[in-house]
Amino acid sequence: MQNPAVVLPEAMQPLLAVAKATRTGGVSEETLELVHLRASQINGCSYCVDGGVKNARRAGVGDDKLFAVAAWREAPYFSDEERAALALTEAATRLADSSDPVPDAVWDAAADHFDEKQLAAIVLTIGLTNLFNRLNATTRQPAGAGW
């Protein structure tokens, strides 16, 4: 089966509108692509990991950073802002892994680096990525496949 949002094109347009809106929040394209890539890695969505790497490269993310996204805590390539966004991404993607899914420390660190509009863009990017990951993983969309 194709991605359900392709099967029901009326669903795809609002999703793409949300994706476009996240780009107006004042967060760098590079950071938003890292957020997308990390959530997709966690969820095991090969389609989104593949596309995420390509989009991150287009946004200017270098190979050192791309190769280290899964180990961002230990890698020296990430700014404090990127680390805060990646920590929020992991917490919001792994909601069921903790009784306190997004601890205050994680949220506060993100809020130290991003204003409300930027946080909205990041949280929407995380949520939309998780939605696409679930659509693609459920219907087994392979890496490199086009819609």
N, C-alpha and C. Protein backbone atom coordinates (compact mmCIF):
# COMPACT_ATOMS: atom_id res chain seq x y z
N MET A 1 0.84 -1.18 0.00
CA MET A 1 0.00 0.00 0.00
C MET A 1 0.88 1.24 0.00
N GLN A 2 0.43 2.27 -0.67
CA GLN A 2 1.11 3.56 -0.61
C GLN A 2 0.87 4.21 0.75
N ASN A 3 1.62 5.26 1.02
CA ASN A 3 1.39 6.06 2.22
C ASN A 3 -0.09 6.48 2.23
N PRO A 4 -0.78 6.30 3.36
CA PRO A 4 -2.20 6.65 3.42
C PRO A 4 -2.51 8.10 3.04
N ALA A 5 -1.59 9.00 3.30
CA ALA A 5 -1.82 10.41 2.94
C ALA A 5 -1.71 10.61 1.43
N VAL A 6 -1.13 9.66 0.73
CA VAL A 6 -1.11 9.69 -0.73
C VAL A 6 -2.40 9.07 -1.27
N VAL A 7 -2.83 8.00 -0.61
CA VAL A 7 -4.08 7.34 -1.02
C VAL A 7 -5.25 8.31 -0.85
N LEU A 8 -5.22 9.08 0.22
CA LEU A 8 -6.25 10.10 0.48
C LEU A 8 -5.60 11.48 0.34
N PRO A 9 -5.46 11.98 -0.88
CA PRO A 9 -4.72 13.22 -1.10
C PRO A 9 -5.29 14.41 -0.32
N GLU A 10 -6.55 14.34 0.05
CA GLU A 10 -7.12 15.41 0.87
C GLU A 10 -6.43 15.49 2.23
N ALA A 11 -5.84 14.41 2.65
CA ALA A 11 -5.10 14.40 3.92
C ALA A 11 -3.70 14.99 3.76
N MET A 12 -3.09 14.79 2.59
CA MET A 12 -1.71 15.24 2.39
C MET A 12 -1.59 16.76 2.41
N GLN A 13 -2.50 17.46 1.80
CA GLN A 13 -2.38 18.91 1.70
C GLN A 13 -2.30 19.61 3.07
N PRO A 14 -3.16 19.27 4.02
CA PRO A 14 -3.02 19.90 5.34
C PRO A 14 -1.71 19.54 6.04
N LEU A 15 -1.24 18.32 5.84
CA LEU A 15 0.03 17.92 6.44
C LEU A 15 1.18 18.75 5.85
N LEU A 16 1.16 18.93 4.55
CA LEU A 16 2.19 19.75 3.91
C LEU A 16 2.09 21.21 4.34
N ALA A 17 0.88 21.67 4.61
CA ALA A 17 0.70 23.04 5.10
C ALA A 17 1.31 23.20 6.50
N VAL A 18 1.16 22.19 7.34
CA VAL A 18 1.78 22.23 8.67
C VAL A 18 3.31 22.24 8.51
N ALA A 19 3.82 21.39 7.64
CA ALA A 19 5.27 21.36 7.41
C ALA A 19 5.77 22.72 6.95
N LYS A 20 5.05 23.35 6.06
CA LYS A 20 5.44 24.68 5.57
C LYS A 20 5.39 25.71 6.70
N ALA A 21 4.37 25.61 7.54
CA ALA A 21 4.22 26.55 8.65
C ALA A 21 5.39 26.44 9.63
N THR A 22 5.91 25.24 9.82
CA THR A 22 7.03 25.09 10.77
C THR A 22 8.25 25.88 10.31
N ARG A 23 8.34 26.13 9.02
CA ARG A 23 9.49 26.86 8.48
C ARG A 23 9.38 28.37 8.71
N THR A 24 8.26 28.81 9.26
CA THR A 24 8.08 30.24 9.54
C THR A 24 8.31 30.58 11.00
N GLY A 25 8.73 29.61 11.80
CA GLY A 25 8.88 29.82 13.23
C GLY A 25 10.20 30.40 13.68
N GLY A 26 11.13 30.60 12.77
CA GLY A 26 12.39 31.21 13.13
C GLY A 26 13.48 30.24 13.57
N VAL A 27 13.26 28.95 13.37
CA VAL A 27 14.28 27.95 13.69
C VAL A 27 15.05 27.66 12.40
N SER A 28 16.34 27.50 12.51
CA SER A 28 17.13 27.24 11.31
C SER A 28 16.68 25.95 10.62
N GLU A 29 16.75 25.96 9.32
CA GLU A 29 16.39 24.77 8.52
C GLU A 29 17.26 23.59 8.96
N GLU A 30 18.52 23.86 9.23
CA GLU A 30 19.44 22.81 9.67
C GLU A 30 18.94 22.13 10.94
N THR A 31 18.53 22.91 11.92
CA THR A 31 18.04 22.35 13.19
C THR A 31 16.76 21.56 12.97
N LEU A 32 15.84 22.09 12.19
CA LEU A 32 14.59 21.36 11.94
C LEU A 32 14.86 20.04 11.21
N GLU A 33 15.81 20.03 10.32
CA GLU A 33 16.14 18.77 9.62
C GLU A 33 16.80 17.78 10.57
N LEU A 34 17.62 18.25 11.50
CA LEU A 34 18.21 17.35 12.50
C LEU A 34 17.12 16.75 13.38
N VAL A 35 16.14 17.56 13.76
CA VAL A 35 15.01 17.09 14.56
C VAL A 35 14.26 16.00 13.80
N HIS A 36 13.95 16.26 12.54
CA HIS A 36 13.25 15.27 11.71
C HIS A 36 14.05 13.98 11.60
N LEU A 37 15.33 14.11 11.36
CA LEU A 37 16.18 12.92 11.19
C LEU A 37 16.25 12.11 12.48
N ARG A 38 16.41 12.77 13.61
CA ARG A 38 16.53 12.03 14.87
C ARG A 38 15.24 11.29 15.22
N ALA A 39 14.11 11.94 15.06
CA ALA A 39 12.84 11.26 15.34
C ALA A 39 12.67 10.06 14.40
N SER A 40 13.03 10.24 13.15
CA SER A 40 12.89 9.16 12.17
C SER A 40 13.82 8.00 12.50
N GLN A 41 15.02 8.29 12.99
CA GLN A 41 15.93 7.22 13.42
C GLN A 41 15.32 6.44 14.57
N ILE A 42 14.81 7.15 15.56
CA ILE A 42 14.21 6.48 16.73
C ILE A 42 13.07 5.57 16.30
N ASN A 43 12.25 6.05 15.37
CA ASN A 43 11.07 5.30 14.94
C ASN A 43 11.38 4.25 13.88
N GLY A 44 12.60 4.21 13.41
CA GLY A 44 12.96 3.20 12.42
C GLY A 44 12.27 3.37 11.08
N CYS A 45 12.02 4.60 10.70
CA CYS A 45 11.37 4.87 9.41
C CYS A 45 12.44 5.08 8.35
N SER A 46 12.72 4.03 7.59
CA SER A 46 13.80 4.12 6.59
C SER A 46 13.50 5.17 5.53
N TYR A 47 12.25 5.30 5.14
CA TYR A 47 11.87 6.30 4.14
C TYR A 47 12.24 7.70 4.63
N CYS A 48 11.88 8.00 5.88
CA CYS A 48 12.12 9.34 6.43
C CYS A 48 13.59 9.56 6.79
N VAL A 49 14.30 8.52 7.21
CA VAL A 49 15.74 8.67 7.47
C VAL A 49 16.44 9.00 6.16
N ASP A 50 16.13 8.25 5.11
CA ASP A 50 16.74 8.48 3.81
C ASP A 50 16.45 9.90 3.33
N GLY A 51 15.19 10.28 3.33
CA GLY A 51 14.82 11.63 2.91
C GLY A 51 15.37 12.69 3.84
N GLY A 52 15.41 12.38 5.13
CA GLY A 52 15.92 13.33 6.11
C GLY A 52 17.38 13.65 5.92
N VAL A 53 18.18 12.64 5.60
CA VAL A 53 19.60 12.87 5.33
C VAL A 53 19.76 13.76 4.10
N LYS A 54 19.01 13.45 3.06
CA LYS A 54 19.10 14.25 1.82
C LYS A 54 18.66 15.70 2.07
N ASN A 55 17.56 15.88 2.79
CA ASN A 55 17.09 17.24 3.08
C ASN A 55 18.06 17.99 4.00
N ALA A 56 18.63 17.29 4.96
CA ALA A 56 19.60 17.92 5.86
C ALA A 56 20.83 18.39 5.08
N ARG A 57 21.29 17.58 4.17
CA ARG A 57 22.43 17.99 3.34
C ARG A 57 22.08 19.25 2.54
N ARG A 58 20.89 19.27 1.95
CA ARG A 58 20.46 20.45 1.19
C ARG A 58 20.38 21.69 2.10
N ALA A 59 20.08 21.46 3.37
CA ALA A 59 19.99 22.57 4.34
C ALA A 59 21.37 23.00 4.85
N GLY A 60 22.41 22.29 4.43
CA GLY A 60 23.76 22.67 4.82
C GLY A 60 24.38 21.86 5.93
N VAL A 61 23.73 20.79 6.38
CA VAL A 61 24.29 19.95 7.43
C VAL A 61 25.43 19.13 6.83
N GLY A 62 26.60 19.18 7.46
CA GLY A 62 27.76 18.45 6.98
C GLY A 62 27.72 16.98 7.37
N ASP A 63 28.54 16.20 6.70
CA ASP A 63 28.58 14.76 6.94
C ASP A 63 28.97 14.41 8.37
N ASP A 64 29.91 15.14 8.97
CA ASP A 64 30.29 14.82 10.35
C ASP A 64 29.07 14.82 11.26
N LYS A 65 28.26 15.85 11.11
CA LYS A 65 27.06 15.99 11.94
C LYS A 65 26.04 14.90 11.58
N LEU A 66 25.83 14.69 10.29
CA LEU A 66 24.86 13.68 9.85
C LEU A 66 25.21 12.29 10.37
N PHE A 67 26.49 11.95 10.32
CA PHE A 67 26.92 10.63 10.75
C PHE A 67 26.80 10.45 12.26
N ALA A 68 26.70 11.57 12.99
CA ALA A 68 26.70 11.50 14.45
C ALA A 68 25.35 11.81 15.09
N VAL A 69 24.31 12.01 14.31
CA VAL A 69 23.02 12.40 14.89
C VAL A 69 22.56 11.41 15.95
N ALA A 70 22.69 10.13 15.70
CA ALA A 70 22.23 9.13 16.67
C ALA A 70 23.05 9.16 17.96
N ALA A 71 24.24 9.74 17.91
CA ALA A 71 25.11 9.83 19.09
C ALA A 71 25.41 11.29 19.42
N TRP A 72 24.42 12.14 19.27
CA TRP A 72 24.62 13.57 19.42
C TRP A 72 25.13 13.98 20.79
N ARG A 73 24.80 13.21 21.83
CA ARG A 73 25.26 13.57 23.18
C ARG A 73 26.78 13.49 23.32
N GLU A 74 27.37 12.52 22.63
CA GLU A 74 28.81 12.29 22.74
C GLU A 74 29.61 13.00 21.66
N ALA A 75 28.95 13.41 20.58
CA ALA A 75 29.66 13.99 19.44
C ALA A 75 29.90 15.49 19.64
N PRO A 76 31.04 15.98 19.19
CA PRO A 76 31.38 17.39 19.41
C PRO A 76 30.79 18.35 18.38
N TYR A 77 30.00 17.87 17.45
CA TYR A 77 29.60 18.67 16.29
C TYR A 77 28.38 19.55 16.49
N PHE A 78 27.67 19.40 17.60
CA PHE A 78 26.37 20.04 17.77
C PHE A 78 26.44 21.24 18.71
N SER A 79 25.71 22.28 18.34
CA SER A 79 25.62 23.47 19.18
C SER A 79 24.71 23.18 20.38
N ASP A 80 24.75 24.07 21.36
CA ASP A 80 23.86 23.92 22.51
C ASP A 80 22.40 23.97 22.09
N GLU A 81 22.08 24.82 21.12
CA GLU A 81 20.70 24.92 20.62
C GLU A 81 20.28 23.60 19.97
N GLU A 82 21.15 23.04 19.14
CA GLU A 82 20.83 21.77 18.49
C GLU A 82 20.66 20.66 19.52
N ARG A 83 21.51 20.64 20.52
CA ARG A 83 21.41 19.63 21.57
C ARG A 83 20.07 19.75 22.32
N ALA A 84 19.65 20.96 22.60
CA ALA A 84 18.36 21.17 23.28
C ALA A 84 17.21 20.69 22.39
N ALA A 85 17.29 20.98 21.11
CA ALA A 85 16.23 20.53 20.19
C ALA A 85 16.24 19.01 20.05
N LEU A 86 17.40 18.41 20.01
CA LEU A 86 17.49 16.95 19.89
C LEU A 86 17.02 16.26 21.16
N ALA A 87 17.32 16.82 22.32
CA ALA A 87 16.83 16.24 23.58
C ALA A 87 15.30 16.31 23.63
N LEU A 88 14.74 17.44 23.22
CA LEU A 88 13.28 17.56 23.18
C LEU A 88 12.69 16.57 22.17
N THR A 89 13.36 16.40 21.05
CA THR A 89 12.90 15.44 20.03
C THR A 89 12.84 14.04 20.61
N GLU A 90 13.90 13.63 21.27
CA GLU A 90 13.92 12.28 21.84
C GLU A 90 12.82 12.10 22.89
N ALA A 91 12.67 13.07 23.76
CA ALA A 91 11.66 12.95 24.81
C ALA A 91 10.25 12.89 24.22
N ALA A 92 9.96 13.78 23.27
CA ALA A 92 8.62 13.84 22.69
C ALA A 92 8.33 12.67 21.76
N THR A 93 9.37 12.03 21.26
CA THR A 93 9.18 10.87 20.39
C THR A 93 9.02 9.60 21.21
N ARG A 94 9.65 9.54 22.37
CA ARG A 94 9.60 8.35 23.22
C ARG A 94 8.64 8.56 24.40
N LEU A 95 7.47 9.04 24.14
CA LEU A 95 6.52 9.40 25.21
C LEU A 95 6.23 8.25 26.16
N ALA A 96 6.12 7.04 25.66
CA ALA A 96 5.74 5.91 26.50
C ALA A 96 6.90 5.34 27.31
N ASP A 97 8.11 5.84 27.09
CA ASP A 97 9.28 5.29 27.77
C ASP A 97 9.50 5.84 29.18
N SER A 98 8.68 6.79 29.60
CA SER A 98 8.90 7.43 30.89
C SER A 98 7.57 7.89 31.48
N SER A 99 7.50 7.87 32.81
CA SER A 99 6.29 8.41 33.46
C SER A 99 6.27 9.94 33.39
N ASP A 100 7.41 10.54 33.09
CA ASP A 100 7.53 11.98 32.89
C ASP A 100 8.14 12.17 31.50
N PRO A 101 7.32 12.05 30.45
CA PRO A 101 7.85 11.95 29.09
C PRO A 101 8.73 13.13 28.65
N VAL A 102 8.35 14.34 29.00
CA VAL A 102 9.18 15.50 28.67
C VAL A 102 9.51 16.20 29.98
N PRO A 103 10.59 15.78 30.61
CA PRO A 103 10.95 16.35 31.91
C PRO A 103 11.16 17.87 31.83
N ASP A 104 10.90 18.53 32.94
CA ASP A 104 11.08 19.98 33.00
C ASP A 104 12.48 20.39 32.55
N ALA A 105 13.49 19.63 32.92
CA ALA A 105 14.86 19.99 32.54
C ALA A 105 15.04 20.00 31.03
N VAL A 106 14.41 19.06 30.34
CA VAL A 106 14.51 19.01 28.88
C VAL A 106 13.77 20.20 28.28
N TRP A 107 12.55 20.44 28.76
CA TRP A 107 11.78 21.57 28.25
C TRP A 107 12.47 22.90 28.56
N ASP A 108 12.96 23.04 29.78
CA ASP A 108 13.61 24.29 30.18
C ASP A 108 14.87 24.56 29.36
N ALA A 109 15.63 23.51 29.05
CA ALA A 109 16.82 23.69 28.22
C ALA A 109 16.42 24.18 26.83
N ALA A 110 15.36 23.60 26.28
CA ALA A 110 14.89 24.06 24.96
C ALA A 110 14.40 25.51 25.06
N ALA A 111 13.67 25.83 26.12
CA ALA A 111 13.14 27.18 26.29
C ALA A 111 14.24 28.21 26.54
N ASP A 112 15.39 27.76 27.01
CA ASP A 112 16.54 28.67 27.18
C ASP A 112 17.11 29.10 25.83
N HIS A 113 16.89 28.30 24.81
CA HIS A 113 17.48 28.57 23.49
C HIS A 113 16.48 29.02 22.44
N PHE A 114 15.21 28.75 22.67
CA PHE A 114 14.19 29.04 21.66
C PHE A 114 13.03 29.78 22.29
N ASP A 115 12.48 30.75 21.57
CA ASP A 115 11.30 31.45 22.07
C ASP A 115 10.05 30.61 21.77
N GLU A 116 8.89 31.12 22.16
CA GLU A 116 7.65 30.35 22.04
C GLU A 116 7.35 29.96 20.59
N LYS A 117 7.53 30.88 19.66
CA LYS A 117 7.26 30.60 18.26
C LYS A 117 8.23 29.52 17.74
N GLN A 118 9.48 29.62 18.13
CA GLN A 118 10.46 28.61 17.72
C GLN A 118 10.14 27.25 18.33
N LEU A 119 9.76 27.25 19.61
CA LEU A 119 9.38 25.98 20.25
C LEU A 119 8.16 25.37 19.55
N ALA A 120 7.23 26.21 19.15
CA ALA A 120 6.06 25.71 18.42
C ALA A 120 6.50 25.04 17.13
N ALA A 121 7.44 25.64 16.42
CA ALA A 121 7.94 25.06 15.17
C ALA A 121 8.62 23.72 15.42
N ILE A 122 9.39 23.65 16.48
CA ILE A 122 10.10 22.39 16.81
C ILE A 122 9.10 21.31 17.22
N VAL A 123 8.17 21.65 18.11
CA VAL A 123 7.19 20.66 18.57
C VAL A 123 6.31 20.19 17.42
N LEU A 124 5.90 21.09 16.55
CA LEU A 124 5.12 20.68 15.38
C LEU A 124 5.95 19.79 14.44
N THR A 125 7.22 20.11 14.28
CA THR A 125 8.09 19.28 13.44
C THR A 125 8.21 17.88 14.03
N ILE A 126 8.38 17.80 15.33
CA ILE A 126 8.46 16.49 16.00
C ILE A 126 7.16 15.71 15.80
N GLY A 127 6.05 16.35 16.05
CA GLY A 127 4.75 15.67 15.92
C GLY A 127 4.48 15.23 14.49
N LEU A 128 4.73 16.09 13.54
CA LEU A 128 4.49 15.75 12.13
C LEU A 128 5.43 14.65 11.67
N THR A 129 6.68 14.71 12.10
CA THR A 129 7.64 13.65 11.76
C THR A 129 7.17 12.32 12.33
N ASN A 130 6.73 12.33 13.58
CA ASN A 130 6.24 11.09 14.19
C ASN A 130 5.02 10.55 13.43
N LEU A 131 4.15 11.43 12.97
CA LEU A 131 3.00 11.00 12.18
C LEU A 131 3.46 10.36 10.87
N PHE A 132 4.33 11.04 10.14
CA PHE A 132 4.81 10.47 8.88
C PHE A 132 5.59 9.17 9.11
N ASN A 133 6.37 9.11 10.19
CA ASN A 133 7.09 7.87 10.50
C ASN A 133 6.12 6.72 10.68
N ARG A 134 5.04 6.97 11.38
CA ARG A 134 4.07 5.91 11.64
C ARG A 134 3.32 5.50 10.37
N LEU A 135 2.97 6.47 9.54
CA LEU A 135 2.32 6.14 8.27
C LEU A 135 3.24 5.29 7.40
N ASN A 136 4.49 5.73 7.29
CA ASN A 136 5.45 5.03 6.42
C ASN A 136 5.87 3.68 6.97
N ALA A 137 6.12 3.60 8.27
CA ALA A 137 6.54 2.31 8.85
C ALA A 137 5.39 1.30 8.80
N THR A 138 4.18 1.75 9.08
CA THR A 138 3.03 0.85 9.07
C THR A 138 2.80 0.26 7.68
N THR A 139 2.99 1.07 6.65
CA THR A 139 2.75 0.60 5.29
C THR A 139 4.04 0.20 4.57
N ARG A 140 5.12 0.11 5.35
CA ARG A 140 6.41 -0.39 4.87
C ARG A 140 6.93 0.32 3.63
N GLN A 141 6.95 1.63 3.73
CA GLN A 141 7.51 2.43 2.63
C GLN A 141 9.03 2.30 2.68
N PRO A 142 9.66 1.86 1.61
CA PRO A 142 11.11 1.63 1.63
C PRO A 142 11.90 2.92 1.43
N ALA A 143 13.08 2.93 1.95
CA ALA A 143 14.00 4.05 1.74
C ALA A 143 14.20 4.23 0.24
N GLY A 144 14.24 5.50 -0.18
CA GLY A 144 14.50 5.80 -1.56
C GLY A 144 13.29 5.76 -2.47
N ALA A 145 12.16 5.29 -1.96
CA ALA A 145 10.96 5.22 -2.80
C ALA A 145 10.33 6.61 -2.89
N GLY A 146 9.78 6.90 -4.01
CA GLY A 146 9.08 8.18 -4.17
C GLY A 146 7.59 7.96 -4.01
N TRP A 147 6.90 9.03 -3.63
CA TRP A 147 5.45 8.91 -3.52
C TRP A 147 4.90 9.16 -4.87
